Amino acid sequence: MATNITWDQSNVSRGEREKLLGQKGLTIWFTGLSASGKSTIASALEKYLLTMNISSYRLDGDNIRFGLNKDLGFGQKDREENIRRIAEVAKLFADSTTIALTSFISPYKSDREIARKLHEDSGIPFVEVYIDAPLEVAEQRDPKGLYKKAKAGEIKDFTGISAPYEAPPSPEIHIHTDKTTVEESVKVIL
């Protein structure tokens, strides 16, 4: 744990930044099983927002593990730290007036609640979007072949197979991707 540190307050307040840039930041937190459609929908939303000249950036679970979180595995403690770190990063993006779009399985309700509280304590809006696909549908999609590997025992602690997924009890937005197209999903979020 770091000691002897002090937060260096910016000379520009969030309110001033919002006024200068003409937008407010927030975090849209996509959660759901692997292959539920989180990254696909977040990518489509990001592109739409950018075409409207709205600053946004997608923080993707796999992409973050190539760098910032490359030291983490997939056990419960590492998953918790993965989500803690990305919540901090998303909060910084949102504080800069960027719309942070996070697409992480984030399987534990308690971790998502910590991410939400971190934002709320800083006065930053947090919108949880549950990208809901039945396990059978996610397994059929399985673009990376992960469910097949998990069922064969090649991947341990795989969410939905050998590790739990705790669905959000009351997300701001709940999208059933087995019944909703990507375009329809983006419209619902907008």
N, C-alpha and C. Protein backbone atom coordinates (compact mmCIF):
# COMPACT_ATOMS: atom_id res chain seq x y z
N MET A 1 0.84 -1.17 0.00
CA MET A 1 0.00 0.00 0.00
C MET A 1 0.89 1.24 0.00
N ALA A 2 0.54 2.20 -0.84
CA ALA A 2 1.32 3.43 -0.96
C ALA A 2 1.15 4.30 0.27
N THR A 3 2.26 4.91 0.70
CA THR A 3 2.22 5.85 1.81
C THR A 3 2.91 7.13 1.36
N ASN A 4 2.76 8.15 2.15
CA ASN A 4 3.39 9.44 1.86
C ASN A 4 2.99 10.00 0.49
N ILE A 5 1.71 9.87 0.17
CA ILE A 5 1.20 10.41 -1.08
C ILE A 5 0.09 11.41 -0.78
N THR A 6 -0.10 12.37 -1.68
CA THR A 6 -1.13 13.39 -1.55
C THR A 6 -1.79 13.57 -2.90
N TRP A 7 -3.13 13.63 -2.93
CA TRP A 7 -3.85 13.85 -4.18
C TRP A 7 -3.50 15.23 -4.72
N ASP A 8 -3.10 15.30 -5.97
CA ASP A 8 -2.73 16.57 -6.62
C ASP A 8 -3.95 17.09 -7.35
N GLN A 9 -4.63 18.06 -6.75
CA GLN A 9 -5.86 18.60 -7.31
C GLN A 9 -5.57 19.40 -8.59
N SER A 10 -6.35 19.17 -9.62
CA SER A 10 -6.21 19.89 -10.88
C SER A 10 -6.57 21.36 -10.70
N ASN A 11 -5.99 22.20 -11.54
CA ASN A 11 -6.34 23.62 -11.55
C ASN A 11 -7.66 23.87 -12.26
N VAL A 12 -8.19 22.82 -12.89
CA VAL A 12 -9.45 22.91 -13.62
C VAL A 12 -10.45 22.00 -12.93
N SER A 13 -11.56 22.55 -12.46
CA SER A 13 -12.57 21.73 -11.79
C SER A 13 -13.33 20.90 -12.83
N ARG A 14 -14.01 19.88 -12.35
CA ARG A 14 -14.82 19.07 -13.26
C ARG A 14 -15.89 19.93 -13.94
N GLY A 15 -16.50 20.82 -13.17
CA GLY A 15 -17.52 21.72 -13.73
C GLY A 15 -16.95 22.60 -14.84
N GLU A 16 -15.76 23.15 -14.63
CA GLU A 16 -15.13 23.97 -15.67
C GLU A 16 -14.81 23.13 -16.91
N ARG A 17 -14.30 21.94 -16.66
CA ARG A 17 -13.96 21.04 -17.77
C ARG A 17 -15.22 20.71 -18.58
N GLU A 18 -16.31 20.41 -17.87
CA GLU A 18 -17.57 20.09 -18.55
C GLU A 18 -18.05 21.26 -19.40
N LYS A 19 -17.94 22.47 -18.85
CA LYS A 19 -18.36 23.66 -19.58
C LYS A 19 -17.48 23.89 -20.81
N LEU A 20 -16.18 23.76 -20.64
CA LEU A 20 -15.25 23.98 -21.74
C LEU A 20 -15.41 22.94 -22.86
N LEU A 21 -15.64 21.69 -22.47
CA LEU A 21 -15.73 20.62 -23.46
C LEU A 21 -17.16 20.33 -23.92
N GLY A 22 -18.14 20.88 -23.22
CA GLY A 22 -19.53 20.73 -23.65
C GLY A 22 -20.14 19.36 -23.42
N GLN A 23 -19.63 18.63 -22.45
CA GLN A 23 -20.25 17.35 -22.12
C GLN A 23 -19.88 16.95 -20.70
N LYS A 24 -20.66 16.03 -20.16
CA LYS A 24 -20.39 15.49 -18.84
C LYS A 24 -19.93 14.05 -18.99
N GLY A 25 -19.03 13.66 -18.12
CA GLY A 25 -18.55 12.28 -18.14
C GLY A 25 -19.43 11.38 -17.30
N LEU A 26 -19.39 10.11 -17.60
CA LEU A 26 -20.07 9.09 -16.83
C LEU A 26 -19.46 7.75 -17.19
N THR A 27 -19.78 6.75 -16.41
CA THR A 27 -19.35 5.39 -16.73
C THR A 27 -20.57 4.55 -17.03
N ILE A 28 -20.52 3.86 -18.16
CA ILE A 28 -21.54 2.87 -18.51
C ILE A 28 -20.85 1.52 -18.36
N TRP A 29 -21.32 0.76 -17.37
CA TRP A 29 -20.66 -0.49 -16.97
C TRP A 29 -21.44 -1.68 -17.54
N PHE A 30 -20.88 -2.31 -18.58
CA PHE A 30 -21.49 -3.48 -19.19
C PHE A 30 -21.04 -4.73 -18.44
N THR A 31 -21.99 -5.55 -18.01
CA THR A 31 -21.69 -6.80 -17.33
C THR A 31 -22.52 -7.91 -17.95
N GLY A 32 -21.99 -9.10 -17.93
CA GLY A 32 -22.68 -10.27 -18.47
C GLY A 32 -21.68 -11.38 -18.76
N LEU A 33 -22.20 -12.52 -19.11
CA LEU A 33 -21.36 -13.67 -19.42
C LEU A 33 -20.46 -13.41 -20.62
N SER A 34 -19.41 -14.19 -20.73
CA SER A 34 -18.58 -14.18 -21.93
C SER A 34 -19.48 -14.51 -23.12
N ALA A 35 -19.32 -13.80 -24.21
CA ALA A 35 -20.09 -13.99 -25.45
C ALA A 35 -21.55 -13.54 -25.32
N SER A 36 -21.86 -12.75 -24.31
CA SER A 36 -23.24 -12.24 -24.19
C SER A 36 -23.49 -11.06 -25.13
N GLY A 37 -22.41 -10.37 -25.55
CA GLY A 37 -22.54 -9.23 -26.45
C GLY A 37 -22.05 -7.92 -25.87
N LYS A 38 -21.41 -7.96 -24.70
CA LYS A 38 -20.94 -6.74 -24.03
C LYS A 38 -20.04 -5.90 -24.92
N SER A 39 -18.97 -6.49 -25.42
CA SER A 39 -18.00 -5.74 -26.22
C SER A 39 -18.60 -5.30 -27.55
N THR A 40 -19.41 -6.12 -28.15
CA THR A 40 -20.05 -5.77 -29.43
C THR A 40 -20.94 -4.55 -29.27
N ILE A 41 -21.76 -4.55 -28.24
CA ILE A 41 -22.67 -3.42 -28.02
C ILE A 41 -21.89 -2.19 -27.58
N ALA A 42 -20.92 -2.36 -26.67
CA ALA A 42 -20.11 -1.22 -26.22
C ALA A 42 -19.36 -0.60 -27.39
N SER A 43 -18.84 -1.41 -28.30
CA SER A 43 -18.13 -0.90 -29.48
C SER A 43 -19.06 -0.11 -30.39
N ALA A 44 -20.25 -0.64 -30.59
CA ALA A 44 -21.23 0.06 -31.44
C ALA A 44 -21.66 1.37 -30.80
N LEU A 45 -21.85 1.38 -29.50
CA LEU A 45 -22.21 2.60 -28.79
C LEU A 45 -21.08 3.62 -28.86
N GLU A 46 -19.85 3.16 -28.66
CA GLU A 46 -18.70 4.06 -28.73
C GLU A 46 -18.62 4.72 -30.11
N LYS A 47 -18.78 3.94 -31.15
CA LYS A 47 -18.70 4.49 -32.51
C LYS A 47 -19.81 5.52 -32.73
N TYR A 48 -21.02 5.19 -32.30
CA TYR A 48 -22.13 6.13 -32.46
C TYR A 48 -21.84 7.44 -31.72
N LEU A 49 -21.42 7.34 -30.47
CA LEU A 49 -21.15 8.55 -29.68
C LEU A 49 -20.06 9.39 -30.34
N LEU A 50 -19.02 8.75 -30.82
CA LEU A 50 -17.93 9.49 -31.45
C LEU A 50 -18.40 10.18 -32.73
N THR A 51 -19.29 9.54 -33.49
CA THR A 51 -19.81 10.20 -34.70
C THR A 51 -20.67 11.41 -34.35
N MET A 52 -21.16 11.46 -33.11
CA MET A 52 -21.93 12.61 -32.63
C MET A 52 -21.02 13.62 -31.92
N ASN A 53 -19.70 13.43 -32.06
CA ASN A 53 -18.70 14.29 -31.41
C ASN A 53 -18.81 14.28 -29.89
N ILE A 54 -19.14 13.11 -29.35
CA ILE A 54 -19.20 12.92 -27.90
C ILE A 54 -18.01 12.04 -27.53
N SER A 55 -17.13 12.57 -26.70
CA SER A 55 -15.94 11.85 -26.30
C SER A 55 -16.31 10.60 -25.49
N SER A 56 -15.86 9.46 -25.98
CA SER A 56 -16.12 8.19 -25.30
C SER A 56 -14.96 7.25 -25.56
N TYR A 57 -14.81 6.28 -24.67
CA TYR A 57 -13.73 5.31 -24.83
C TYR A 57 -14.14 3.99 -24.19
N ARG A 58 -13.93 2.90 -24.94
CA ARG A 58 -14.29 1.56 -24.47
C ARG A 58 -13.09 0.91 -23.80
N LEU A 59 -13.28 0.52 -22.57
CA LEU A 59 -12.29 -0.22 -21.80
C LEU A 59 -12.74 -1.68 -21.81
N ASP A 60 -12.03 -2.52 -22.53
CA ASP A 60 -12.43 -3.91 -22.73
C ASP A 60 -11.64 -4.85 -21.81
N GLY A 61 -12.31 -5.84 -21.28
CA GLY A 61 -11.69 -6.78 -20.35
C GLY A 61 -10.43 -7.44 -20.86
N ASP A 62 -10.47 -7.99 -22.06
CA ASP A 62 -9.27 -8.64 -22.61
C ASP A 62 -8.17 -7.61 -22.87
N ASN A 63 -8.54 -6.46 -23.45
CA ASN A 63 -7.53 -5.45 -23.77
C ASN A 63 -6.80 -4.96 -22.52
N ILE A 64 -7.53 -4.77 -21.44
CA ILE A 64 -6.92 -4.30 -20.19
C ILE A 64 -5.95 -5.34 -19.64
N ARG A 65 -6.25 -6.61 -19.87
CA ARG A 65 -5.37 -7.68 -19.37
C ARG A 65 -4.08 -7.82 -20.20
N PHE A 66 -3.99 -7.15 -21.33
CA PHE A 66 -2.73 -7.13 -22.08
C PHE A 66 -1.73 -6.18 -21.45
N GLY A 67 -2.19 -5.22 -20.66
CA GLY A 67 -1.30 -4.23 -20.09
C GLY A 67 -1.51 -4.04 -18.61
N LEU A 68 -2.40 -3.11 -18.25
CA LEU A 68 -2.62 -2.73 -16.87
C LEU A 68 -2.81 -3.93 -15.94
N ASN A 69 -3.57 -4.91 -16.36
CA ASN A 69 -3.89 -6.04 -15.49
C ASN A 69 -3.26 -7.36 -15.95
N LYS A 70 -2.14 -7.28 -16.66
CA LYS A 70 -1.51 -8.50 -17.15
C LYS A 70 -0.95 -9.37 -16.03
N ASP A 71 -0.83 -8.82 -14.83
CA ASP A 71 -0.32 -9.57 -13.70
C ASP A 71 -1.41 -10.35 -12.96
N LEU A 72 -2.64 -10.27 -13.44
CA LEU A 72 -3.76 -10.91 -12.74
C LEU A 72 -4.25 -12.16 -13.45
N GLY A 73 -4.64 -13.15 -12.67
CA GLY A 73 -5.25 -14.37 -13.20
C GLY A 73 -6.77 -14.26 -13.16
N PHE A 74 -7.42 -15.42 -13.03
CA PHE A 74 -8.88 -15.43 -13.06
C PHE A 74 -9.51 -16.03 -11.81
N GLY A 75 -8.73 -16.22 -10.75
CA GLY A 75 -9.30 -16.64 -9.47
C GLY A 75 -10.10 -15.48 -8.88
N GLN A 76 -10.84 -15.76 -7.84
CA GLN A 76 -11.74 -14.74 -7.27
C GLN A 76 -10.99 -13.48 -6.84
N LYS A 77 -9.89 -13.60 -6.14
CA LYS A 77 -9.14 -12.41 -5.66
C LYS A 77 -8.62 -11.59 -6.83
N ASP A 78 -8.10 -12.26 -7.86
CA ASP A 78 -7.60 -11.53 -9.03
C ASP A 78 -8.73 -10.88 -9.80
N ARG A 79 -9.87 -11.53 -9.88
CA ARG A 79 -11.03 -10.91 -10.54
C ARG A 79 -11.47 -9.66 -9.78
N GLU A 80 -11.46 -9.74 -8.45
CA GLU A 80 -11.83 -8.59 -7.64
C GLU A 80 -10.87 -7.42 -7.89
N GLU A 81 -9.58 -7.71 -7.93
CA GLU A 81 -8.58 -6.66 -8.17
C GLU A 81 -8.71 -6.11 -9.59
N ASN A 82 -9.01 -6.96 -10.54
CA ASN A 82 -9.22 -6.54 -11.93
C ASN A 82 -10.34 -5.49 -11.99
N ILE A 83 -11.44 -5.77 -11.34
CA ILE A 83 -12.58 -4.85 -11.36
C ILE A 83 -12.28 -3.59 -10.55
N ARG A 84 -11.60 -3.73 -9.43
CA ARG A 84 -11.23 -2.55 -8.64
C ARG A 84 -10.38 -1.59 -9.48
N ARG A 85 -9.39 -2.12 -10.17
CA ARG A 85 -8.52 -1.28 -10.99
C ARG A 85 -9.29 -0.60 -12.11
N ILE A 86 -10.13 -1.36 -12.80
CA ILE A 86 -10.84 -0.76 -13.94
C ILE A 86 -11.86 0.26 -13.46
N ALA A 87 -12.44 0.05 -12.29
CA ALA A 87 -13.37 1.05 -11.74
C ALA A 87 -12.63 2.36 -11.51
N GLU A 88 -11.42 2.29 -10.99
CA GLU A 88 -10.61 3.49 -10.77
C GLU A 88 -10.28 4.18 -12.10
N VAL A 89 -9.90 3.40 -13.10
CA VAL A 89 -9.57 3.96 -14.42
C VAL A 89 -10.81 4.59 -15.05
N ALA A 90 -11.93 3.88 -15.01
CA ALA A 90 -13.18 4.41 -15.58
C ALA A 90 -13.57 5.72 -14.90
N LYS A 91 -13.40 5.78 -13.58
CA LYS A 91 -13.72 7.00 -12.84
C LYS A 91 -12.86 8.16 -13.34
N LEU A 92 -11.57 7.91 -13.58
CA LEU A 92 -10.68 8.97 -14.09
C LEU A 92 -11.12 9.43 -15.48
N PHE A 93 -11.47 8.49 -16.35
CA PHE A 93 -11.96 8.86 -17.69
C PHE A 93 -13.22 9.72 -17.56
N ALA A 94 -14.17 9.27 -16.72
CA ALA A 94 -15.43 10.00 -16.57
C ALA A 94 -15.18 11.38 -15.95
N ASP A 95 -14.24 11.47 -15.02
CA ASP A 95 -13.91 12.76 -14.42
C ASP A 95 -13.37 13.73 -15.48
N SER A 96 -12.74 13.20 -16.52
CA SER A 96 -12.19 14.04 -17.59
C SER A 96 -13.26 14.46 -18.60
N THR A 97 -14.50 14.09 -18.37
CA THR A 97 -15.70 14.32 -19.20
C THR A 97 -15.86 13.30 -20.32
N THR A 98 -15.06 12.27 -20.32
CA THR A 98 -15.22 11.20 -21.30
C THR A 98 -16.28 10.22 -20.81
N ILE A 99 -17.03 9.65 -21.73
CA ILE A 99 -17.97 8.59 -21.36
C ILE A 99 -17.18 7.29 -21.41
N ALA A 100 -16.96 6.71 -20.23
CA ALA A 100 -16.21 5.46 -20.13
C ALA A 100 -17.17 4.30 -20.31
N LEU A 101 -16.87 3.45 -21.26
CA LEU A 101 -17.68 2.26 -21.53
C LEU A 101 -16.86 1.05 -21.12
N THR A 102 -17.25 0.38 -20.06
CA THR A 102 -16.47 -0.76 -19.59
C THR A 102 -17.20 -2.05 -19.95
N SER A 103 -16.51 -2.94 -20.64
CA SER A 103 -17.12 -4.24 -20.97
C SER A 103 -16.29 -5.33 -20.31
N PHE A 104 -16.73 -5.70 -19.11
CA PHE A 104 -16.08 -6.70 -18.28
C PHE A 104 -17.14 -7.67 -17.78
N ILE A 105 -16.82 -8.94 -17.73
CA ILE A 105 -17.77 -9.90 -17.17
C ILE A 105 -18.19 -9.43 -15.78
N SER A 106 -17.24 -9.00 -14.97
CA SER A 106 -17.46 -8.55 -13.59
C SER A 106 -18.52 -9.41 -12.90
N PRO A 107 -18.16 -10.66 -12.60
CA PRO A 107 -19.15 -11.65 -12.16
C PRO A 107 -19.71 -11.46 -10.76
N TYR A 108 -19.02 -10.69 -9.91
CA TYR A 108 -19.47 -10.59 -8.53
C TYR A 108 -20.22 -9.30 -8.27
N LYS A 109 -21.40 -9.45 -7.71
CA LYS A 109 -22.25 -8.30 -7.38
C LYS A 109 -21.51 -7.31 -6.47
N SER A 110 -20.80 -7.82 -5.49
CA SER A 110 -20.11 -6.95 -4.53
C SER A 110 -19.06 -6.08 -5.23
N ASP A 111 -18.38 -6.61 -6.24
CA ASP A 111 -17.37 -5.82 -6.96
C ASP A 111 -18.03 -4.71 -7.77
N ARG A 112 -19.16 -5.01 -8.38
CA ARG A 112 -19.88 -3.98 -9.14
C ARG A 112 -20.42 -2.90 -8.19
N GLU A 113 -20.84 -3.31 -6.99
CA GLU A 113 -21.31 -2.33 -6.01
C GLU A 113 -20.17 -1.41 -5.56
N ILE A 114 -18.97 -1.96 -5.42
CA ILE A 114 -17.80 -1.15 -5.06
C ILE A 114 -17.51 -0.15 -6.18
N ALA A 115 -17.57 -0.60 -7.44
CA ALA A 115 -17.35 0.29 -8.59
C ALA A 115 -18.38 1.42 -8.59
N ARG A 116 -19.62 1.07 -8.36
CA ARG A 116 -20.69 2.08 -8.32
C ARG A 116 -20.44 3.09 -7.20
N LYS A 117 -20.13 2.61 -6.00
CA LYS A 117 -19.91 3.50 -4.86
C LYS A 117 -18.72 4.43 -5.11
N LEU A 118 -17.67 3.92 -5.71
CA LEU A 118 -16.50 4.74 -6.04
C LEU A 118 -16.92 5.93 -6.90
N HIS A 119 -17.77 5.67 -7.88
CA HIS A 119 -18.26 6.74 -8.76
C HIS A 119 -19.19 7.68 -8.01
N GLU A 120 -20.15 7.12 -7.31
CA GLU A 120 -21.12 7.93 -6.59
C GLU A 120 -20.45 8.83 -5.57
N ASP A 121 -19.44 8.30 -4.86
CA ASP A 121 -18.72 9.10 -3.86
C ASP A 121 -17.98 10.28 -4.50
N SER A 122 -17.69 10.16 -5.79
CA SER A 122 -17.00 11.24 -6.52
C SER A 122 -17.98 12.10 -7.31
N GLY A 123 -19.27 11.82 -7.20
CA GLY A 123 -20.27 12.59 -7.92
C GLY A 123 -20.31 12.30 -9.42
N ILE A 124 -19.88 11.10 -9.78
CA ILE A 124 -19.84 10.71 -11.20
C ILE A 124 -20.93 9.68 -11.46
N PRO A 125 -21.78 9.92 -12.47
CA PRO A 125 -22.85 8.96 -12.77
C PRO A 125 -22.30 7.59 -13.19
N PHE A 126 -22.98 6.56 -12.76
CA PHE A 126 -22.62 5.17 -13.03
C PHE A 126 -23.88 4.46 -13.51
N VAL A 127 -23.83 3.91 -14.69
CA VAL A 127 -24.99 3.23 -15.28
C VAL A 127 -24.61 1.77 -15.52
N GLU A 128 -25.27 0.87 -14.81
CA GLU A 128 -25.01 -0.56 -14.98
C GLU A 128 -25.92 -1.11 -16.07
N VAL A 129 -25.31 -1.77 -17.06
CA VAL A 129 -26.05 -2.36 -18.16
C VAL A 129 -25.81 -3.87 -18.13
N TYR A 130 -26.86 -4.61 -17.84
CA TYR A 130 -26.76 -6.07 -17.81
C TYR A 130 -27.03 -6.60 -19.20
N ILE A 131 -26.00 -7.14 -19.80
CA ILE A 131 -26.11 -7.75 -21.13
C ILE A 131 -26.38 -9.23 -20.88
N ASP A 132 -27.62 -9.58 -21.02
CA ASP A 132 -28.14 -10.88 -20.59
C ASP A 132 -28.36 -11.79 -21.80
N ALA A 133 -27.61 -12.87 -21.81
CA ALA A 133 -27.82 -13.92 -22.81
C ALA A 133 -27.85 -15.24 -22.05
N PRO A 134 -28.82 -16.09 -22.34
CA PRO A 134 -28.83 -17.40 -21.68
C PRO A 134 -27.50 -18.12 -21.95
N LEU A 135 -27.07 -18.92 -20.98
CA LEU A 135 -25.81 -19.64 -21.11
C LEU A 135 -25.74 -20.42 -22.42
N GLU A 136 -26.84 -21.03 -22.81
CA GLU A 136 -26.85 -21.83 -24.05
C GLU A 136 -26.56 -20.96 -25.28
N VAL A 137 -27.09 -19.75 -25.27
CA VAL A 137 -26.85 -18.82 -26.39
C VAL A 137 -25.39 -18.37 -26.39
N ALA A 138 -24.87 -18.03 -25.22
CA ALA A 138 -23.46 -17.62 -25.12
C ALA A 138 -22.55 -18.76 -25.59
N GLU A 139 -22.88 -19.99 -25.21
CA GLU A 139 -22.08 -21.14 -25.64
C GLU A 139 -22.13 -21.33 -27.16
N GLN A 140 -23.29 -21.09 -27.76
CA GLN A 140 -23.42 -21.22 -29.21
C GLN A 140 -22.60 -20.16 -29.93
N ARG A 141 -22.58 -18.94 -29.39
CA ARG A 141 -21.82 -17.85 -30.00
C ARG A 141 -20.32 -18.12 -29.85
N ASP A 142 -19.87 -18.27 -28.63
CA ASP A 142 -18.51 -18.61 -28.23
C ASP A 142 -17.43 -18.32 -29.27
N PRO A 143 -17.23 -17.04 -29.66
CA PRO A 143 -16.29 -16.73 -30.74
C PRO A 143 -14.84 -17.11 -30.44
N LYS A 144 -14.50 -17.23 -29.17
CA LYS A 144 -13.11 -17.55 -28.79
C LYS A 144 -12.93 -19.03 -28.43
N GLY A 145 -14.03 -19.80 -28.44
CA GLY A 145 -13.95 -21.21 -28.09
C GLY A 145 -13.69 -21.47 -26.61
N LEU A 146 -14.02 -20.49 -25.77
CA LEU A 146 -13.70 -20.59 -24.35
C LEU A 146 -14.61 -21.55 -23.60
N TYR A 147 -15.89 -21.58 -23.95
CA TYR A 147 -16.81 -22.49 -23.26
C TYR A 147 -16.42 -23.94 -23.53
N LYS A 148 -16.05 -24.21 -24.76
CA LYS A 148 -15.63 -25.57 -25.12
C LYS A 148 -14.40 -25.98 -24.31
N LYS A 149 -13.43 -25.06 -24.20
CA LYS A 149 -12.22 -25.34 -23.42
C LYS A 149 -12.55 -25.51 -21.94
N ALA A 150 -13.46 -24.67 -21.43
CA ALA A 150 -13.83 -24.76 -20.01
C ALA A 150 -14.51 -26.08 -19.71
N LYS A 151 -15.39 -26.51 -20.59
CA LYS A 151 -16.09 -27.78 -20.38
C LYS A 151 -15.15 -28.97 -20.49
N ALA A 152 -14.06 -28.80 -21.27
CA ALA A 152 -13.06 -29.86 -21.41
C ALA A 152 -12.04 -29.83 -20.27
N GLY A 153 -12.19 -28.86 -19.36
CA GLY A 153 -11.28 -28.75 -18.23
C GLY A 153 -9.98 -28.03 -18.53
N GLU A 154 -9.89 -27.42 -19.72
CA GLU A 154 -8.67 -26.71 -20.10
C GLU A 154 -8.59 -25.31 -19.48
N ILE A 155 -9.74 -24.75 -19.09
CA ILE A 155 -9.78 -23.44 -18.45
C ILE A 155 -10.46 -23.61 -17.11
N LYS A 156 -9.76 -23.21 -16.04
CA LYS A 156 -10.34 -23.28 -14.70
C LYS A 156 -10.99 -21.95 -14.37
N ASP A 157 -11.89 -21.96 -13.43
CA ASP A 157 -12.55 -20.74 -12.94
C ASP A 157 -13.20 -19.96 -14.08
N PHE A 158 -13.90 -20.64 -14.96
CA PHE A 158 -14.54 -19.96 -16.09
C PHE A 158 -15.98 -19.61 -15.71
N THR A 159 -16.30 -18.34 -15.78
CA THR A 159 -17.61 -17.84 -15.37
C THR A 159 -18.73 -18.52 -16.15
N GLY A 160 -19.70 -19.01 -15.42
CA GLY A 160 -20.86 -19.67 -16.01
C GLY A 160 -20.70 -21.18 -16.11
N ILE A 161 -19.45 -21.66 -16.00
CA ILE A 161 -19.19 -23.10 -16.07
C ILE A 161 -18.65 -23.58 -14.73
N SER A 162 -17.47 -23.13 -14.35
CA SER A 162 -16.86 -23.57 -13.09
C SER A 162 -16.67 -22.43 -12.08
N ALA A 163 -17.15 -21.25 -12.43
CA ALA A 163 -17.12 -20.10 -11.53
C ALA A 163 -18.47 -19.39 -11.66
N PRO A 164 -18.93 -18.77 -10.59
CA PRO A 164 -20.27 -18.17 -10.59
C PRO A 164 -20.36 -16.85 -11.35
N TYR A 165 -21.57 -16.54 -11.78
CA TYR A 165 -21.91 -15.20 -12.26
C TYR A 165 -23.13 -14.75 -11.47
N GLU A 166 -23.00 -13.63 -10.78
CA GLU A 166 -24.10 -13.09 -9.99
C GLU A 166 -24.76 -11.98 -10.79
N ALA A 167 -25.91 -12.29 -11.35
CA ALA A 167 -26.63 -11.32 -12.19
C ALA A 167 -27.04 -10.10 -11.37
N PRO A 168 -26.99 -8.91 -11.97
CA PRO A 168 -27.42 -7.71 -11.25
C PRO A 168 -28.91 -7.78 -10.92
N PRO A 169 -29.29 -7.53 -9.66
CA PRO A 169 -30.71 -7.58 -9.31
C PRO A 169 -31.50 -6.39 -9.82
N SER A 170 -30.85 -5.24 -9.99
CA SER A 170 -31.59 -4.06 -10.45
C SER A 170 -30.69 -3.11 -11.25
N PRO A 171 -30.24 -3.57 -12.42
CA PRO A 171 -29.41 -2.69 -13.25
C PRO A 171 -30.27 -1.55 -13.81
N GLU A 172 -29.62 -0.45 -14.16
CA GLU A 172 -30.36 0.64 -14.80
C GLU A 172 -30.93 0.19 -16.15
N ILE A 173 -30.17 -0.65 -16.84
CA ILE A 173 -30.61 -1.15 -18.16
C ILE A 173 -30.37 -2.65 -18.21
N HIS A 174 -31.37 -3.39 -18.70
CA HIS A 174 -31.29 -4.85 -18.83
C HIS A 174 -31.62 -5.20 -20.28
N ILE A 175 -30.65 -5.73 -20.98
CA ILE A 175 -30.84 -6.06 -22.40
C ILE A 175 -30.69 -7.56 -22.59
N HIS A 176 -31.70 -8.18 -23.19
CA HIS A 176 -31.67 -9.61 -23.53
C HIS A 176 -31.15 -9.72 -24.96
N THR A 177 -29.89 -10.09 -25.11
CA THR A 177 -29.30 -10.08 -26.45
C THR A 177 -29.72 -11.27 -27.31
N ASP A 178 -30.44 -12.20 -26.75
CA ASP A 178 -31.01 -13.26 -27.59
C ASP A 178 -32.30 -12.79 -28.26
N LYS A 179 -32.79 -11.59 -27.87
CA LYS A 179 -34.04 -11.05 -28.42
C LYS A 179 -33.86 -9.65 -29.00
N THR A 180 -32.68 -9.06 -28.85
CA THR A 180 -32.46 -7.67 -29.23
C THR A 180 -31.23 -7.56 -30.12
N THR A 181 -31.33 -6.83 -31.21
CA THR A 181 -30.17 -6.64 -32.09
C THR A 181 -29.19 -5.65 -31.46
N VAL A 182 -28.01 -5.58 -32.02
CA VAL A 182 -27.00 -4.63 -31.54
C VAL A 182 -27.54 -3.20 -31.69
N GLU A 183 -28.12 -2.91 -32.84
CA GLU A 183 -28.65 -1.56 -33.09
C GLU A 183 -29.76 -1.21 -32.10
N GLU A 184 -30.66 -2.15 -31.84
CA GLU A 184 -31.72 -1.91 -30.86
C GLU A 184 -31.14 -1.72 -29.47
N SER A 185 -30.11 -2.47 -29.14
CA SER A 185 -29.46 -2.36 -27.83
C SER A 185 -28.86 -0.97 -27.64
N VAL A 186 -28.18 -0.46 -28.68
CA VAL A 186 -27.59 0.88 -28.61
C VAL A 186 -28.68 1.93 -28.37
N LYS A 187 -29.80 1.79 -29.08
CA LYS A 187 -30.90 2.74 -28.91
C LYS A 187 -31.45 2.71 -27.49
N VAL A 188 -31.57 1.53 -26.92
CA VAL A 188 -32.07 1.40 -25.54
C VAL A 188 -31.13 2.14 -24.59
N ILE A 189 -29.83 1.98 -24.77
CA ILE A 189 -28.85 2.62 -23.88
C ILE A 189 -28.87 4.13 -24.07
N LEU A 190 -28.97 4.58 -25.32
CA LEU A 190 -29.01 6.02 -25.57
C LEU A 190 -30.22 6.64 -24.91
